[in-house]
C-alpha atoms as a PDB file:
ATOM      1  CA  PRO A   1       8.610  20.769 -26.269  1.00  0.00           C
ATOM      2  CA  LYS A   2       8.221  17.246 -24.167  1.00  0.00           C
ATOM      3  CA  GLN A   3       8.513  17.990 -20.412  1.00  0.00           C
ATOM      4  CA  ILE A   4      10.001  15.242 -18.554  1.00  0.00           C
ATOM      5  CA  SER A   5       7.032  13.597 -16.499  1.00  0.00           C
ATOM      6  CA  CYS A   6       8.863  11.225 -14.439  1.00  0.00           C
ATOM      7  CA  PHE A   7      12.711  10.009 -13.809  1.00  0.00           C
ATOM      8  CA  THR A   8      14.211   7.053 -12.010  1.00  0.00           C
ATOM      9  CA  ILE A   9      17.669   6.265 -11.289  1.00  0.00           C
ATOM     10  CA  THR A  10      18.941   2.751 -12.017  1.00  0.00           C
ATOM     11  CA  GLU A  11      21.291   0.557  -9.794  1.00  0.00           C
ATOM     12  CA  ASP A  12      23.986   1.373 -11.851  1.00  0.00           C
ATOM     13  CA  LYS A  13      23.276   5.389 -11.452  1.00  0.00           C
ATOM     14  CA  LYS A  14      22.028   5.906 -14.733  1.00  0.00           C
ATOM     15  CA  LEU A  15      18.990   8.436 -14.857  1.00  0.00           C
ATOM     16  CA  THR A  16      15.960   7.427 -16.915  1.00  0.00           C
ATOM     17  CA  VAL A  17      13.303   9.829 -17.895  1.00  0.00           C
ATOM     18  CA  ALA A  18       9.854   9.371 -19.467  1.00  0.00           C
ATOM     19  CA  PHE A  19       7.554  11.744 -21.433  1.00  0.00           C
ATOM     20  CA  LYS A  20       3.879  12.059 -21.097  1.00  0.00           C
ATOM     21  CA  LYS A  21       2.264  11.822 -24.544  1.00  0.00           C
ATOM     22  CA  GLN A  22      -1.036  13.691 -25.940  1.00  0.00           C
ATOM     23  CA  ASP A  23      -3.185  10.915 -24.500  1.00  0.00           C
ATOM     24  CA  ARG A  24      -1.333  11.230 -21.082  1.00  0.00           C
ATOM     25  CA  SER A  25       0.204   7.937 -21.158  1.00  0.00           C
ATOM     26  CA  PHE A  26       3.748   7.450 -21.041  1.00  0.00           C
ATOM     27  CA  GLU A  27       6.099   7.063 -24.214  1.00  0.00           C
ATOM     28  CA  GLN A  28       7.654   4.321 -21.679  1.00  0.00           C
ATOM     29  CA  ASN A  29       5.861   1.174 -19.987  1.00  0.00           C
ATOM     30  CA  VAL A  30       6.226   3.277 -16.655  1.00  0.00           C
ATOM     31  CA  PHE A  31       4.209   4.174 -13.911  1.00  0.00           C
ATOM     32  CA  GLY A  32       4.443   8.224 -12.819  1.00  0.00           C
ATOM     33  CA  CYS A  33       4.692   8.323  -9.328  1.00  0.00           C
ATOM     34  CA  ASP A  34       3.007  11.491  -7.529  1.00  0.00           C
ATOM     35  CA  ASN A  35       6.735  12.544  -6.261  1.00  0.00           C
ATOM     36  CA  GLY A  36       7.618  12.583  -9.857  1.00  0.00           C
ATOM     37  CA  MET A  37       9.731   9.262 -10.016  1.00  0.00           C
ATOM     38  CA  CYS A  38       8.439   6.491 -12.076  1.00  0.00           C
ATOM     39  CA  ILE A  39       8.658   2.799 -11.883  1.00  0.00           C
ATOM     40  CA  PRO A  40       8.043  -0.304 -14.099  1.00  0.00           C
ATOM     41  CA  TYR A  41       4.405  -1.112 -14.422  1.00  0.00           C
ATOM     42  CA  GLU A  42       5.091  -4.424 -13.028  1.00  0.00           C
ATOM     43  CA  LYS A  43       5.648  -2.901  -9.457  1.00  0.00           C
ATOM     44  CA  VAL A  44       2.330  -1.215  -9.245  1.00  0.00           C
ATOM     45  CA  CYS A  45       0.135  -2.797  -6.973  1.00  0.00           C
ATOM     46  CA  ASN A  46       2.562  -5.280  -5.804  1.00  0.00           C
ATOM     47  CA  LEU A  47       1.729  -4.606  -2.031  1.00  0.00           C
ATOM     48  CA  ASN A  48       5.304  -2.588  -1.667  1.00  0.00           C
ATOM     49  CA  ASP A  49       5.748   1.046  -1.801  1.00  0.00           C
ATOM     50  CA  ASP A  50       8.096   1.325  -4.786  1.00  0.00           C
ATOM     51  CA  CYS A  51       7.641   5.004  -5.464  1.00  0.00           C
ATOM     52  CA  GLY A  52       8.481   5.843  -1.922  1.00  0.00           C
ATOM     53  CA  ASP A  53       5.176   8.110  -1.562  1.00  0.00           C
ATOM     54  CA  SER A  54       2.780   5.079  -1.879  1.00  0.00           C
ATOM     55  CA  SER A  55       1.228   6.399  -4.882  1.00  0.00           C
ATOM     56  CA  ASP A  56       2.030   2.940  -6.586  1.00  0.00           C
ATOM     57  CA  GLU A  57      -0.560   1.216  -4.078  1.00  0.00           C
ATOM     58  CA  ILE A  58      -2.869   3.851  -3.080  1.00  0.00           C
ATOM     59  CA  ASN A  59      -5.727   3.112  -5.715  1.00  0.00           C
ATOM     60  CA  CYS A  60      -5.359  -0.835  -5.909  1.00  0.00           C
ATOM     61  CA  PHE A  61      -7.966  -3.070  -5.208  1.00  0.00           C
ATOM     62  CA  ASN A  62      -5.561  -6.082  -3.994  1.00  0.00           C
ATOM     63  CA  ASN A  63      -4.226  -4.476  -0.946  1.00  0.00           C
ATOM     64  CA  PHE A  64      -5.138  -3.175   2.500  1.00  0.00           C
ATOM     65  CA  LYS A  65      -3.043  -0.181   3.884  1.00  0.00           C
ATOM     66  CA  CYS A  66      -2.639  -0.779   7.544  1.00  0.00           C
ATOM     67  CA  PHE A  67      -3.701   2.249   9.927  1.00  0.00           C
ATOM     68  CA  SER A  68      -0.354   3.273  11.468  1.00  0.00           C
ATOM     69  CA  SER A  69       2.263   1.153   9.799  1.00  0.00           C
ATOM     70  CA  GLY A  70       1.163   2.367   6.420  1.00  0.00           C
ATOM     71  CA  GLN A  71       2.122  -1.076   5.385  1.00  0.00           C
ATOM     72  CA  PHE A  72       0.379  -2.889   2.637  1.00  0.00           C
ATOM     73  CA  VAL A  73      -1.075  -6.357   3.227  1.00  0.00           C
ATOM     74  CA  ALA A  74      -3.200  -8.501   0.779  1.00  0.00           C
ATOM     75  CA  LYS A  75      -6.743  -7.836   1.021  1.00  0.00           C
ATOM     76  CA  SER A  76      -7.214 -11.403   1.501  1.00  0.00           C
ATOM     77  CA  LYS A  77      -5.461 -11.205   4.700  1.00  0.00           C
ATOM     78  CA  LYS A  78      -7.707  -8.604   6.024  1.00  0.00           C
ATOM     79  CA  CYS A  79     -10.319  -9.838   8.553  1.00  0.00           C
ATOM     80  CA  ASP A  80      -9.156 -13.381   7.916  1.00  0.00           C
ATOM     81  CA  GLY A  81      -8.536 -13.811  11.913  1.00  0.00           C
ATOM     82  CA  ARG A  82      -4.873 -13.459  11.697  1.00  0.00           C
ATOM     83  CA  PHE A  83      -2.589 -10.724  12.457  1.00  0.00           C
ATOM     84  CA  ASP A  84      -0.689  -9.343   9.344  1.00  0.00           C
ATOM     85  CA  CYS A  85      -0.369  -5.783  10.507  1.00  0.00           C
ATOM     86  CA  LEU A  86       2.137  -4.547  13.001  1.00  0.00           C
ATOM     87  CA  ASP A  87      -0.650  -2.585  14.487  1.00  0.00           C
ATOM     88  CA  TYR A  88      -3.056  -5.471  14.339  1.00  0.00           C
ATOM     89  CA  SER A  89      -5.481  -3.080  12.182  1.00  0.00           C
ATOM     90  CA  ASP A  90      -6.178  -5.580   9.515  1.00  0.00           C
ATOM     91  CA  GLU A  91      -8.142  -7.522  12.235  1.00  0.00           C
ATOM     92  CA  CYS A  92      -9.253  -4.404  14.678  1.00  0.00           C
ATOM     93  CA  ASN A  93     -11.043  -2.513  12.186  1.00  0.00           C
ATOM     94  CA  GLY A  94     -14.841  -1.661  11.541  1.00  0.00           C
ATOM     95  CA  ASP A  95     -15.027  -3.883   8.498  1.00  0.00           C
ATOM     96  CA  CYS A  96     -14.632  -7.093  10.336  1.00  0.00           C
ATOM     97  CA  ASP A  97     -17.248  -8.847  11.668  1.00  0.00           C
ATOM     98  CA  ASN A  98     -14.892 -11.805  13.372  1.00  0.00           C
ATOM     99  CA  GLN A  99     -14.105  -9.106  16.004  1.00  0.00           C
ATOM    100  CA  ILE A 100     -16.214 -10.697  18.755  1.00  0.00           C
ATOM    101  CA  ASN A 101     -15.005 -14.179  18.039  1.00  0.00           C
ATOM    102  CA  ILE A 102     -11.238 -13.273  17.932  1.00  0.00           C
ATOM    103  CA  PHE A 103     -11.931 -11.500  21.504  1.00  0.00           C
ATOM    104  CA  LYS A 104     -13.624 -14.625  22.980  1.00  0.00           C
ATOM    105  CA  ASN A 105     -11.103 -16.949  21.407  1.00  0.00           C
ATOM    106  CA  LYS A 106      -8.155 -14.956  22.975  1.00  0.00           C
ATOM    107  CA  VAL A 107      -7.835 -14.932  26.692  1.00  0.00           C
ATOM    108  CA  LEU A 108      -4.942 -12.756  26.826  1.00  0.00           C
ATOM    109  CA  PHE A 109      -5.851 -10.425  23.723  1.00  0.00           C
ATOM    110  CA  HIS A 110      -2.882  -8.012  22.903  1.00  0.00           C
ATOM    111  CA  LEU A 111      -3.623  -4.188  24.392  1.00  0.00           C
ATOM    112  CA  ALA A 112      -2.518  -2.623  21.299  1.00  0.00           C
ATOM    113  CA  CYS A 113      -4.982  -4.250  19.239  1.00  0.00           C
ATOM    114  CA  VAL A 114      -7.677  -3.019  21.700  1.00  0.00           C
ATOM    115  CA  LEU A 115      -5.939   0.590  21.294  1.00  0.00           C
ATOM    116  CA  VAL A 116      -6.447   0.268  17.655  1.00  0.00           C
ATOM    117  CA  CYS A 117     -10.045  -0.678  17.820  1.00  0.00           C
ATOM    118  CA  LEU A 118     -10.829   2.046  20.265  1.00  0.00           C
ATOM    119  CA  GLN A 119      -8.969   4.548  17.831  1.00  0.00           C
ATOM    120  CA  HIS A 120     -10.561   2.856  14.441  1.00  0.00           C
ATOM    121  CA  CYS A 121     -13.424   0.907  15.062  1.00  0.00           C
END
């Protein structure tokens, strides 16, 4: 017998289940979240936590996960000189070589960003 691999409840409160085939792919065009839910593949790597456990965003090449908030921002926004993460970690991290320029150009640099850099840089 087949075992349920993931499930989802639609907005109209209908239950949808997806089963894995022998090659470990799903019978329907769905992504199996780590928490047992399933979502349509078009919602994977879209910078939103559609699974509720971030498993649809974890291994994506197009995003950066902010340190404290856990939000996802487009990778193109990392180290671009503008703060997109609520905790400023897209600009204050060990990967950004423009941190010195940001500090020189900002007379009143936000203390929270300094703290993020001290913790993660």
